[in-house]
Amino acid sequence: MFLLREWKMPFAILIVALTGICGCLMALWVTGVPLNVSSYTGMIMIVGILAENSIFTVWQYRMNRRSGGGVDEAVDYAIALRIRPKLMTAIGAVLALMRRFYR
């Protein structure tokens, strides 16, 4: 919150993290997997990845807005700039956990 010097962006990042927790709990409910140490570890990893990605995206958005870009252009550029690292992280996590899923 103090890093971003305002209240809106940290709350947006917090909402992303809470949405990630809700998504994890929904996925556990749909698959019928109980809450255990592995699922808690996975939820912590998901929330960490989501928080990191949202912080980087918000930071890039703010830099684009400060340089004089419009809102739409700033959002598009911030998302497009970070899409490859986000996809690499997601694919790596899925591939790493795929073996555990089919056990």
PDB file of N, CA and C in Angstrom:
ATOM      1  N   MET A   1       0.822  -1.178   0.000  1.00  0.00           N
ATOM      2  CA  MET A   1       0.000   0.000   0.000  1.00  0.00           C
ATOM      3  C   MET A   1       0.870   1.247   0.000  1.00  0.00           C
ATOM      4  N   PHE A   2       1.919   1.245   0.791  1.00  0.00           N
ATOM      5  CA  PHE A   2       2.781   2.421   0.839  1.00  0.00           C
ATOM      6  C   PHE A   2       3.674   2.505  -0.386  1.00  0.00           C
ATOM      7  N   LEU A   3       3.947   1.363  -0.995  1.00  0.00           N
ATOM      8  CA  LEU A   3       4.743   1.352  -2.213  1.00  0.00           C
ATOM      9  C   LEU A   3       3.988   2.037  -3.348  1.00  0.00           C
ATOM     10  N   LEU A   4       2.699   1.806  -3.433  1.00  0.00           N
ATOM     11  CA  LEU A   4       1.902   2.373  -4.518  1.00  0.00           C
ATOM     12  C   LEU A   4       1.352   3.755  -4.188  1.00  0.00           C
ATOM     13  N   ARG A   5       1.414   4.169  -2.929  1.00  0.00           N
ATOM     14  CA  ARG A   5       1.027   5.504  -2.469  1.00  0.00           C
ATOM     15  C   ARG A   5      -0.438   5.856  -2.738  1.00  0.00           C
ATOM     16  N   GLU A   6      -1.282   4.879  -2.758  1.00  0.00           N
ATOM     17  CA  GLU A   6      -2.717   5.121  -2.876  1.00  0.00           C
ATOM     18  C   GLU A   6      -3.449   3.895  -2.359  1.00  0.00           C
ATOM     19  N   TRP A   7      -4.761   3.967  -2.314  1.00  0.00           N
ATOM     20  CA  TRP A   7      -5.552   2.890  -1.736  1.00  0.00           C
ATOM     21  C   TRP A   7      -6.207   1.993  -2.775  1.00  0.00           C
ATOM     22  N   LYS A   8      -6.439   2.486  -3.975  1.00  0.00           N
ATOM     23  CA  LYS A   8      -7.187   1.702  -4.963  1.00  0.00           C
ATOM     24  C   LYS A   8      -6.426   0.478  -5.450  1.00  0.00           C
ATOM     25  N   MET A   9      -5.189   0.655  -5.824  1.00  0.00           N
ATOM     26  CA  MET A   9      -4.426  -0.447  -6.409  1.00  0.00           C
ATOM     27  C   MET A   9      -4.149  -1.577  -5.410  1.00  0.00           C
ATOM     28  N   PRO A  10      -3.764  -1.289  -4.156  1.00  0.00           N
ATOM     29  CA  PRO A  10      -3.586  -2.407  -3.222  1.00  0.00           C
ATOM     30  C   PRO A  10      -4.872  -3.190  -2.976  1.00  0.00           C
ATOM     31  N   PHE A  11      -6.003  -2.505  -2.965  1.00  0.00           N
ATOM     32  CA  PHE A  11      -7.261  -3.223  -2.800  1.00  0.00           C
ATOM     33  C   PHE A  11      -7.586  -4.066  -4.028  1.00  0.00           C
ATOM     34  N   ALA A  12      -7.219  -3.593  -5.203  1.00  0.00           N
ATOM     35  CA  ALA A  12      -7.404  -4.404  -6.412  1.00  0.00           C
ATOM     36  C   ALA A  12      -6.545  -5.663  -6.348  1.00  0.00           C
ATOM     37  N   ILE A  13      -5.315  -5.520  -5.861  1.00  0.00           N
ATOM     38  CA  ILE A  13      -4.431  -6.681  -5.724  1.00  0.00           C
ATOM     39  C   ILE A  13      -4.982  -7.638  -4.669  1.00  0.00           C
ATOM     40  N   LEU A  14      -5.525  -7.107  -3.582  1.00  0.00           N
ATOM     41  CA  LEU A  14      -6.125  -7.944  -2.548  1.00  0.00           C
ATOM     42  C   LEU A  14      -7.339  -8.694  -3.079  1.00  0.00           C
ATOM     43  N   ILE A  15      -8.139  -8.043  -3.898  1.00  0.00           N
ATOM     44  CA  ILE A  15      -9.304  -8.702  -4.489  1.00  0.00           C
ATOM     45  C   ILE A  15      -8.866  -9.826  -5.416  1.00  0.00           C
ATOM     46  N   VAL A  16      -7.780  -9.617  -6.158  1.00  0.00           N
ATOM     47  CA  VAL A  16      -7.252 -10.682  -7.018  1.00  0.00           C
ATOM     48  C   VAL A  16      -6.830 -11.879  -6.175  1.00  0.00           C
ATOM     49  N   ALA A  17      -6.163 -11.635  -5.049  1.00  0.00           N
ATOM     50  CA  ALA A  17      -5.730 -12.732  -4.178  1.00  0.00           C
ATOM     51  C   ALA A  17      -6.930 -13.468  -3.583  1.00  0.00           C
ATOM     52  N   LEU A  18      -7.940 -12.732  -3.148  1.00  0.00           N
ATOM     53  CA  LEU A  18      -9.135 -13.372  -2.598  1.00  0.00           C
ATOM     54  C   LEU A  18      -9.893 -14.159  -3.659  1.00  0.00           C
ATOM     55  N   THR A  19      -9.916 -13.648  -4.875  1.00  0.00           N
ATOM     56  CA  THR A  19     -10.541 -14.383  -5.971  1.00  0.00           C
ATOM     57  C   THR A  19      -9.786 -15.675  -6.252  1.00  0.00           C
ATOM     58  N   GLY A  20      -8.468 -15.636  -6.133  1.00  0.00           N
ATOM     59  CA  GLY A  20      -7.666 -16.846  -6.313  1.00  0.00           C
ATOM     60  C   GLY A  20      -7.974 -17.895  -5.259  1.00  0.00           C
ATOM     61  N   ILE A  21      -8.148 -17.465  -4.010  1.00  0.00           N
ATOM     62  CA  ILE A  21      -8.506 -18.404  -2.945  1.00  0.00           C
ATOM     63  C   ILE A  21      -9.878 -19.006  -3.210  1.00  0.00           C
ATOM     64  N   CYS A  22     -10.837 -18.175  -3.618  1.00  0.00           N
ATOM     65  CA  CYS A  22     -12.173 -18.683  -3.936  1.00  0.00           C
ATOM     66  C   CYS A  22     -12.121 -19.664  -5.103  1.00  0.00           C
ATOM     67  N   GLY A  23     -11.314 -19.365  -6.104  1.00  0.00           N
ATOM     68  CA  GLY A  23     -11.164 -20.277  -7.233  1.00  0.00           C
ATOM     69  C   GLY A  23     -10.545 -21.598  -6.825  1.00  0.00           C
ATOM     70  N   CYS A  24      -9.561 -21.555  -5.937  1.00  0.00           N
ATOM     71  CA  CYS A  24      -8.946 -22.797  -5.439  1.00  0.00           C
ATOM     72  C   CYS A  24      -9.958 -23.629  -4.667  1.00  0.00           C
ATOM     73  N   LEU A  25     -10.719 -22.986  -3.790  1.00  0.00           N
ATOM     74  CA  LEU A  25     -11.719 -23.718  -3.020  1.00  0.00           C
ATOM     75  C   LEU A  25     -12.803 -24.301  -3.919  1.00  0.00           C
ATOM     76  N   MET A  26     -13.188 -23.565  -4.956  1.00  0.00           N
ATOM     77  CA  MET A  26     -14.177 -24.079  -5.891  1.00  0.00           C
ATOM     78  C   MET A  26     -13.625 -25.271  -6.670  1.00  0.00           C
ATOM     79  N   ALA A  27     -12.360 -25.188  -7.075  1.00  0.00           N
ATOM     80  CA  ALA A  27     -11.745 -26.307  -7.795  1.00  0.00           C
ATOM     81  C   ALA A  27     -11.646 -27.541  -6.902  1.00  0.00           C
ATOM     82  N   LEU A  28     -11.326 -27.350  -5.628  1.00  0.00           N
ATOM     83  CA  LEU A  28     -11.292 -28.478  -4.702  1.00  0.00           C
ATOM     84  C   LEU A  28     -12.678 -29.082  -4.517  1.00  0.00           C
ATOM     85  N   TRP A  29     -13.692 -28.243  -4.450  1.00  0.00           N
ATOM     86  CA  TRP A  29     -15.062 -28.726  -4.286  1.00  0.00           C
ATOM     87  C   TRP A  29     -15.525 -29.495  -5.516  1.00  0.00           C
ATOM     88  N   VAL A  30     -15.227 -28.972  -6.713  1.00  0.00           N
ATOM     89  CA  VAL A  30     -15.648 -29.628  -7.958  1.00  0.00           C
ATOM     90  C   VAL A  30     -14.968 -30.981  -8.117  1.00  0.00           C
ATOM     91  N   THR A  31     -13.688 -31.055  -7.782  1.00  0.00           N
ATOM     92  CA  THR A  31     -12.957 -32.311  -7.943  1.00  0.00           C
ATOM     93  C   THR A  31     -13.145 -33.258  -6.770  1.00  0.00           C
ATOM     94  N   GLY A  32     -13.715 -32.783  -5.673  1.00  0.00           N
ATOM     95  CA  GLY A  32     -13.943 -33.638  -4.516  1.00  0.00           C
ATOM     96  C   GLY A  32     -12.706 -33.896  -3.683  1.00  0.00           C
ATOM     97  N   VAL A  33     -11.702 -33.077  -3.824  1.00  0.00           N
ATOM     98  CA  VAL A  33     -10.462 -33.237  -3.062  1.00  0.00           C
ATOM     99  C   VAL A  33     -10.619 -32.525  -1.720  1.00  0.00           C
ATOM    100  N   PRO A  34     -10.286 -33.199  -0.617  1.00  0.00           N
ATOM    101  CA  PRO A  34     -10.412 -32.526   0.687  1.00  0.00           C
ATOM    102  C   PRO A  34      -9.269 -31.541   0.917  1.00  0.00           C
ATOM    103  N   LEU A  35      -9.483 -30.657   1.872  1.00  0.00           N
ATOM    104  CA  LEU A  35      -8.416 -29.737   2.270  1.00  0.00           C
ATOM    105  C   LEU A  35      -7.358 -30.522   3.040  1.00  0.00           C
ATOM    106  N   ASN A  36      -6.138 -30.458   2.565  1.00  0.00           N
ATOM    107  CA  ASN A  36      -5.027 -31.114   3.241  1.00  0.00           C
ATOM    108  C   ASN A  36      -3.778 -30.262   3.041  1.00  0.00           C
ATOM    109  N   VAL A  37      -2.641 -30.774   3.454  1.00  0.00           N
ATOM    110  CA  VAL A  37      -1.404 -30.004   3.372  1.00  0.00           C
ATOM    111  C   VAL A  37      -1.064 -29.673   1.922  1.00  0.00           C
ATOM    112  N   SER A  38      -1.275 -30.610   1.021  1.00  0.00           N
ATOM    113  CA  SER A  38      -0.966 -30.363  -0.393  1.00  0.00           C
ATOM    114  C   SER A  38      -1.858 -29.277  -0.980  1.00  0.00           C
ATOM    115  N   SER A  39      -3.140 -29.315  -0.644  1.00  0.00           N
ATOM    116  CA  SER A  39      -4.035 -28.293  -1.192  1.00  0.00           C
ATOM    117  C   SER A  39      -3.738 -26.920  -0.594  1.00  0.00           C
ATOM    118  N   TYR A  40      -3.380 -26.871   0.690  1.00  0.00           N
ATOM    119  CA  TYR A  40      -2.989 -25.591   1.284  1.00  0.00           C
ATOM    120  C   TYR A  40      -1.722 -25.044   0.632  1.00  0.00           C
ATOM    121  N   THR A  41      -0.770 -25.936   0.374  1.00  0.00           N
ATOM    122  CA  THR A  41       0.464 -25.511  -0.287  1.00  0.00           C
ATOM    123  C   THR A  41       0.166 -24.972  -1.676  1.00  0.00           C
ATOM    124  N   GLY A  42      -0.705 -25.644  -2.401  1.00  0.00           N
ATOM    125  CA  GLY A  42      -1.097 -25.176  -3.728  1.00  0.00           C
ATOM    126  C   GLY A  42      -1.795 -23.832  -3.680  1.00  0.00           C
ATOM    127  N   MET A  43      -2.662 -23.640  -2.684  1.00  0.00           N
ATOM    128  CA  MET A  43      -3.348 -22.354  -2.566  1.00  0.00           C
ATOM    129  C   MET A  43      -2.365 -21.235  -2.254  1.00  0.00           C
ATOM    130  N   ILE A  44      -1.393 -21.511  -1.412  1.00  0.00           N
ATOM    131  CA  ILE A  44      -0.379 -20.498  -1.104  1.00  0.00           C
ATOM    132  C   ILE A  44       0.414 -20.148  -2.358  1.00  0.00           C
ATOM    133  N   MET A  45       0.752 -21.168  -3.155  1.00  0.00           N
ATOM    134  CA  MET A  45       1.483 -20.915  -4.398  1.00  0.00           C
ATOM    135  C   MET A  45       0.646 -20.096  -5.374  1.00  0.00           C
ATOM    136  N   ILE A  46      -0.622 -20.449  -5.525  1.00  0.00           N
ATOM    137  CA  ILE A  46      -1.505 -19.723  -6.446  1.00  0.00           C
ATOM    138  C   ILE A  46      -1.647 -18.266  -6.020  1.00  0.00           C
ATOM    139  N   VAL A  47      -1.879 -18.034  -4.739  1.00  0.00           N
ATOM    140  CA  VAL A  47      -2.040 -16.659  -4.254  1.00  0.00           C
ATOM    141  C   VAL A  47      -0.749 -15.872  -4.447  1.00  0.00           C
ATOM    142  N   GLY A  48       0.391 -16.500  -4.227  1.00  0.00           N
ATOM    143  CA  GLY A  48       1.667 -15.821  -4.442  1.00  0.00           C
ATOM    144  C   GLY A  48       1.890 -15.450  -5.893  1.00  0.00           C
ATOM    145  N   ILE A  49       1.586 -16.382  -6.791  1.00  0.00           N
ATOM    146  CA  ILE A  49       1.739 -16.109  -8.224  1.00  0.00           C
ATOM    147  C   ILE A  49       0.785 -15.004  -8.660  1.00  0.00           C
ATOM    148  N   LEU A  50      -0.464 -15.067  -8.208  1.00  0.00           N
ATOM    149  CA  LEU A  50      -1.437 -14.035  -8.577  1.00  0.00           C
ATOM    150  C   LEU A  50      -1.038 -12.665  -8.036  1.00  0.00           C
ATOM    151  N   ALA A  51      -0.577 -12.622  -6.800  1.00  0.00           N
ATOM    152  CA  ALA A  51      -0.174 -11.334  -6.219  1.00  0.00           C
ATOM    153  C   ALA A  51       1.018 -10.754  -6.962  1.00  0.00           C
ATOM    154  N   GLU A  52       2.003 -11.595  -7.260  1.00  0.00           N
ATOM    155  CA  GLU A  52       3.183 -11.104  -7.981  1.00  0.00           C
ATOM    156  C   GLU A  52       2.805 -10.577  -9.366  1.00  0.00           C
ATOM    157  N   ASN A  53       2.002 -11.329 -10.092  1.00  0.00           N
ATOM    158  CA  ASN A  53       1.607 -10.894 -11.432  1.00  0.00           C
ATOM    159  C   ASN A  53       0.763  -9.627 -11.389  1.00  0.00           C
ATOM    160  N   SER A  54      -0.131  -9.528 -10.424  1.00  0.00           N
ATOM    161  CA  SER A  54      -0.957  -8.320 -10.362  1.00  0.00           C
ATOM    162  C   SER A  54      -0.136  -7.103  -9.940  1.00  0.00           C
ATOM    163  N   ILE A  55       0.851  -7.281  -9.067  1.00  0.00           N
ATOM    164  CA  ILE A  55       1.713  -6.154  -8.686  1.00  0.00           C
ATOM    165  C   ILE A  55       2.496  -5.662  -9.894  1.00  0.00           C
ATOM    166  N   PHE A  56       3.071  -6.581 -10.667  1.00  0.00           N
ATOM    167  CA  PHE A  56       3.820  -6.176 -11.859  1.00  0.00           C
ATOM    168  C   PHE A  56       2.919  -5.495 -12.887  1.00  0.00           C
ATOM    169  N   THR A  57       1.717  -6.014 -13.064  1.00  0.00           N
ATOM    170  CA  THR A  57       0.799  -5.425 -14.039  1.00  0.00           C
ATOM    171  C   THR A  57       0.363  -4.032 -13.602  1.00  0.00           C
ATOM    172  N   VAL A  58       0.042  -3.870 -12.329  1.00  0.00           N
ATOM    173  CA  VAL A  58      -0.361  -2.556 -11.813  1.00  0.00           C
ATOM    174  C   VAL A  58       0.792  -1.567 -11.920  1.00  0.00           C
ATOM    175  N   TRP A  59       1.998  -2.020 -11.599  1.00  0.00           N
ATOM    176  CA  TRP A  59       3.169  -1.140 -11.683  1.00  0.00           C
ATOM    177  C   TRP A  59       3.395  -0.673 -13.121  1.00  0.00           C
ATOM    178  N   GLN A  60       3.289  -1.584 -14.077  1.00  0.00           N
ATOM    179  CA  GLN A  60       3.470  -1.220 -15.484  1.00  0.00           C
ATOM    180  C   GLN A  60       2.355  -0.289 -15.954  1.00  0.00           C
ATOM    181  N   TYR A  61       1.139  -0.537 -15.503  1.00  0.00           N
ATOM    182  CA  TYR A  61       0.017   0.341 -15.840  1.00  0.00           C
ATOM    183  C   TYR A  61       0.285   1.760 -15.343  1.00  0.00           C
ATOM    184  N   ARG A  62       0.747   1.870 -14.105  1.00  0.00           N
ATOM    185  CA  ARG A  62       1.031   3.203 -13.553  1.00  0.00           C
ATOM    186  C   ARG A  62       2.143   3.907 -14.317  1.00  0.00           C
ATOM    187  N   MET A  63       3.169   3.171 -14.718  1.00  0.00           N
ATOM    188  CA  MET A  63       4.260   3.772 -15.496  1.00  0.00           C
ATOM    189  C   MET A  63       3.745   4.263 -16.852  1.00  0.00           C
ATOM    190  N   ASN A  64       2.875   3.485 -17.475  1.00  0.00           N
ATOM    191  CA  ASN A  64       2.318   3.893 -18.768  1.00  0.00           C
ATOM    192  C   ASN A  64       1.426   5.124 -18.628  1.00  0.00           C
ATOM    193  N   ARG A  65       0.660   5.188 -17.544  1.00  0.00           N
ATOM    194  CA  ARG A  65      -0.197   6.356 -17.333  1.00  0.00           C
ATOM    195  C   ARG A  65       0.639   7.605 -17.039  1.00  0.00           C
ATOM    196  N   ARG A  66       1.727   7.448 -16.310  1.00  0.00           N
ATOM    197  CA  ARG A  66       2.590   8.596 -16.009  1.00  0.00           C
ATOM    198  C   ARG A  66       3.285   9.125 -17.249  1.00  0.00           C
ATOM    199  N   SER A  67       3.555   8.242 -18.196  1.00  0.00           N
ATOM    200  CA  SER A  67       4.230   8.692 -19.416  1.00  0.00           C
ATOM    201  C   SER A  67       3.261   9.328 -20.405  1.00  0.00           C
ATOM    202  N   GLY A  68       1.993   9.431 -20.039  1.00  0.00           N
ATOM    203  CA  GLY A  68       1.052  10.159 -20.868  1.00  0.00           C
ATOM    204  C   GLY A  68       0.120   9.304 -21.694  1.00  0.00           C
ATOM    205  N   GLY A  69       0.127   8.012 -21.506  1.00  0.00           N
ATOM    206  CA  GLY A  69      -0.765   7.143 -22.264  1.00  0.00           C
ATOM    207  C   GLY A  69      -2.179   7.173 -21.718  1.00  0.00           C
ATOM    208  N   GLY A  70      -3.118   6.831 -22.576  1.00  0.00           N
ATOM    209  CA  GLY A  70      -4.503   6.749 -22.155  1.00  0.00           C
ATOM    210  C   GLY A  70      -4.738   5.492 -21.330  1.00  0.00           C
ATOM    211  N   VAL A  71      -5.919   5.401 -20.755  1.00  0.00           N
ATOM    212  CA  VAL A  71      -6.232   4.262 -19.895  1.00  0.00           C
ATOM    213  C   VAL A  71      -6.232   2.965 -20.691  1.00  0.00           C
ATOM    214  N   ASP A  72      -6.905   2.955 -21.839  1.00  0.00           N
ATOM    215  CA  ASP A  72      -6.979   1.730 -22.642  1.00  0.00           C
ATOM    216  C   ASP A  72      -5.608   1.291 -23.129  1.00  0.00           C
ATOM    217  N   GLU A  73      -4.823   2.234 -23.608  1.00  0.00           N
ATOM    218  CA  GLU A  73      -3.485   1.892 -24.091  1.00  0.00           C
ATOM    219  C   GLU A  73      -2.595   1.399 -22.952  1.00  0.00           C
ATOM    220  N   ALA A  74      -2.721   2.023 -21.779  1.00  0.00           N
ATOM    221  CA  ALA A  74      -1.902   1.616 -20.633  1.00  0.00           C
ATOM    222  C   ALA A  74      -2.252   0.205 -20.181  1.00  0.00           C
ATOM    223  N   VAL A  75      -3.537  -0.112 -20.153  1.00  0.00           N
ATOM    224  CA  VAL A  75      -3.961  -1.462 -19.761  1.00  0.00           C
ATOM    225  C   VAL A  75      -3.501  -2.479 -20.792  1.00  0.00           C
ATOM    226  N   ASP A  76      -3.724  -2.190 -22.066  1.00  0.00           N
ATOM    227  CA  ASP A  76      -3.317  -3.119 -23.126  1.00  0.00           C
ATOM    228  C   ASP A  76      -1.815  -3.374 -23.104  1.00  0.00           C
ATOM    229  N   TYR A  77      -1.031  -2.330 -22.949  1.00  0.00           N
ATOM    230  CA  TYR A  77       0.423  -2.489 -22.954  1.00  0.00           C
ATOM    231  C   TYR A  77       0.903  -3.237 -21.715  1.00  0.00           C
ATOM    232  N   ALA A  78       0.322  -2.929 -20.548  1.00  0.00           N
ATOM    233  CA  ALA A  78       0.736  -3.603 -19.312  1.00  0.00           C
ATOM    234  C   ALA A  78       0.440  -5.094 -19.377  1.00  0.00           C
ATOM    235  N   ILE A  79      -0.693  -5.463 -19.938  1.00  0.00           N
ATOM    236  CA  ILE A  79      -1.042  -6.883 -20.047  1.00  0.00           C
ATOM    237  C   ILE A  79      -0.204  -7.560 -21.115  1.00  0.00           C
ATOM    238  N   ALA A  80      -0.021  -6.909 -22.249  1.00  0.00           N
ATOM    239  CA  ALA A  80       0.756  -7.516 -23.333  1.00  0.00           C
ATOM    240  C   ALA A  80       2.222  -7.684 -22.951  1.00  0.00           C
ATOM    241  N   LEU A  81       2.753  -6.765 -22.172  1.00  0.00           N
ATOM    242  CA  LEU A  81       4.156  -6.847 -21.776  1.00  0.00           C
ATOM    243  C   LEU A  81       4.417  -8.021 -20.839  1.00  0.00           C
ATOM    244  N   ARG A  82       3.451  -8.359 -20.007  1.00  0.00           N
ATOM    245  CA  ARG A  82       3.640  -9.405 -19.002  1.00  0.00           C
ATOM    246  C   ARG A  82       3.002 -10.741 -19.384  1.00  0.00           C
ATOM    247  N   ILE A  83       2.472 -10.884 -20.594  1.00  0.00           N
ATOM    248  CA  ILE A  83       1.750 -12.108 -20.931  1.00  0.00           C
ATOM    249  C   ILE A  83       2.685 -13.307 -21.032  1.00  0.00           C
ATOM    250  N   ARG A  84       3.868 -13.146 -21.581  1.00  0.00           N
ATOM    251  CA  ARG A  84       4.776 -14.289 -21.718  1.00  0.00           C
ATOM    252  C   ARG A  84       5.250 -14.819 -20.366  1.00  0.00           C
ATOM    253  N   PRO A  85       5.718 -13.970 -19.437  1.00  0.00           N
ATOM    254  CA  PRO A  85       6.084 -14.516 -18.122  1.00  0.00           C
ATOM    255  C   PRO A  85       4.911 -15.160 -17.386  1.00  0.00           C
ATOM    256  N   LYS A  86       3.715 -14.590 -17.545  1.00  0.00           N
ATOM    257  CA  LYS A  86       2.546 -15.180 -16.898  1.00  0.00           C
ATOM    258  C   LYS A  86       2.240 -16.555 -17.469  1.00  0.00           C
ATOM    259  N   LEU A  87       2.282 -16.680 -18.780  1.00  0.00           N
ATOM    260  CA  LEU A  87       2.019 -17.977 -19.407  1.00  0.00           C
ATOM    261  C   LEU A  87       3.094 -18.995 -19.048  1.00  0.00           C
ATOM    262  N   MET A  88       4.342 -18.570 -19.012  1.00  0.00           N
ATOM    263  CA  MET A  88       5.420 -19.493 -18.649  1.00  0.00           C
ATOM    264  C   MET A  88       5.261 -19.980 -17.211  1.00  0.00           C
ATOM    265  N   THR A  89       4.873 -19.103 -16.302  1.00  0.00           N
ATOM    266  CA  THR A  89       4.653 -19.501 -14.917  1.00  0.00           C
ATOM    267  C   THR A  89       3.480 -20.459 -14.808  1.00  0.00           C
ATOM    268  N   ALA A  90       2.387 -20.151 -15.489  1.00  0.00           N
ATOM    269  CA  ALA A  90       1.201 -21.006 -15.418  1.00  0.00           C
ATOM    270  C   ALA A  90       1.466 -22.376 -16.031  1.00  0.00           C
ATOM    271  N   ILE A  91       2.101 -22.409 -17.187  1.00  0.00           N
ATOM    272  CA  ILE A  91       2.386 -23.688 -17.842  1.00  0.00           C
ATOM    273  C   ILE A  91       3.368 -24.505 -17.008  1.00  0.00           C
ATOM    274  N   GLY A  92       4.360 -23.850 -16.443  1.00  0.00           N
ATOM    275  CA  GLY A  92       5.313 -24.556 -15.579  1.00  0.00           C
ATOM    276  C   GLY A  92       4.643 -25.152 -14.352  1.00  0.00           C
ATOM    277  N   ALA A  93       3.735 -24.405 -13.732  1.00  0.00           N
ATOM    278  CA  ALA A  93       3.027 -24.918 -12.560  1.00  0.00           C
ATOM    279  C   ALA A  93       2.122 -26.083 -12.933  1.00  0.00           C
ATOM    280  N   VAL A  94       1.426 -25.973 -14.056  1.00  0.00           N
ATOM    281  CA  VAL A  94       0.542 -27.059 -14.492  1.00  0.00           C
ATOM    282  C   VAL A  94       1.345 -28.307 -14.811  1.00  0.00           C
ATOM    283  N   LEU A  95       2.436 -28.159 -15.534  1.00  0.00           N
ATOM    284  CA  LEU A  95       3.251 -29.326 -15.877  1.00  0.00           C
ATOM    285  C   LEU A  95       3.900 -29.952 -14.644  1.00  0.00           C
ATOM    286  N   ALA A  96       4.297 -29.137 -13.693  1.00  0.00           N
ATOM    287  CA  ALA A  96       4.909 -29.673 -12.476  1.00  0.00           C
ATOM    288  C   ALA A  96       3.903 -30.447 -11.633  1.00  0.00           C
ATOM    289  N   LEU A  97       2.660 -30.011 -11.638  1.00  0.00           N
ATOM    290  CA  LEU A  97       1.641 -30.669 -10.822  1.00  0.00           C
ATOM    291  C   LEU A  97       0.856 -31.730 -11.573  1.00  0.00           C
ATOM    292  N   MET A  98       1.088 -31.874 -12.873  1.00  0.00           N
ATOM    293  CA  MET A  98       0.340 -32.845 -13.664  1.00  0.00           C
ATOM    294  C   MET A  98       0.586 -34.271 -13.170  1.00  0.00           C
ATOM    295  N   ARG A  99       1.804 -34.579 -12.812  1.00  0.00           N
ATOM    296  CA  ARG A  99       2.137 -35.919 -12.345  1.00  0.00           C
ATOM    297  C   ARG A  99       1.386 -36.242 -11.056  1.00  0.00           C
ATOM    298  N   ARG A 100       1.277 -35.252 -10.198  1.00  0.00           N
ATOM    299  CA  ARG A 100       0.561 -35.455  -8.929  1.00  0.00           C
ATOM    300  C   ARG A 100      -0.931 -35.638  -9.160  1.00  0.00           C
ATOM    301  N   PHE A 101      -1.455 -35.002 -10.175  1.00  0.00           N
ATOM    302  CA  PHE A 101      -2.884 -35.086 -10.465  1.00  0.00           C
ATOM    303  C   PHE A 101      -3.277 -36.480 -10.938  1.00  0.00           C
ATOM    304  N   TYR A 102      -2.447 -37.114 -11.735  1.00  0.00           N
ATOM    305  CA  TYR A 102      -2.783 -38.412 -12.305  1.00  0.00           C
ATOM    306  C   TYR A 102      -2.321 -39.579 -11.451  1.00  0.00           C
ATOM    307  N   ARG A 103      -1.924 -39.348 -10.250  1.00  0.00           N
ATOM    308  CA  ARG A 103      -1.474 -40.406  -9.359  1.00  0.00           C
ATOM    309  C   ARG A 103      -2.596 -41.211  -8.817  1.00  0.00           C
TER     310      ARG A 103
END
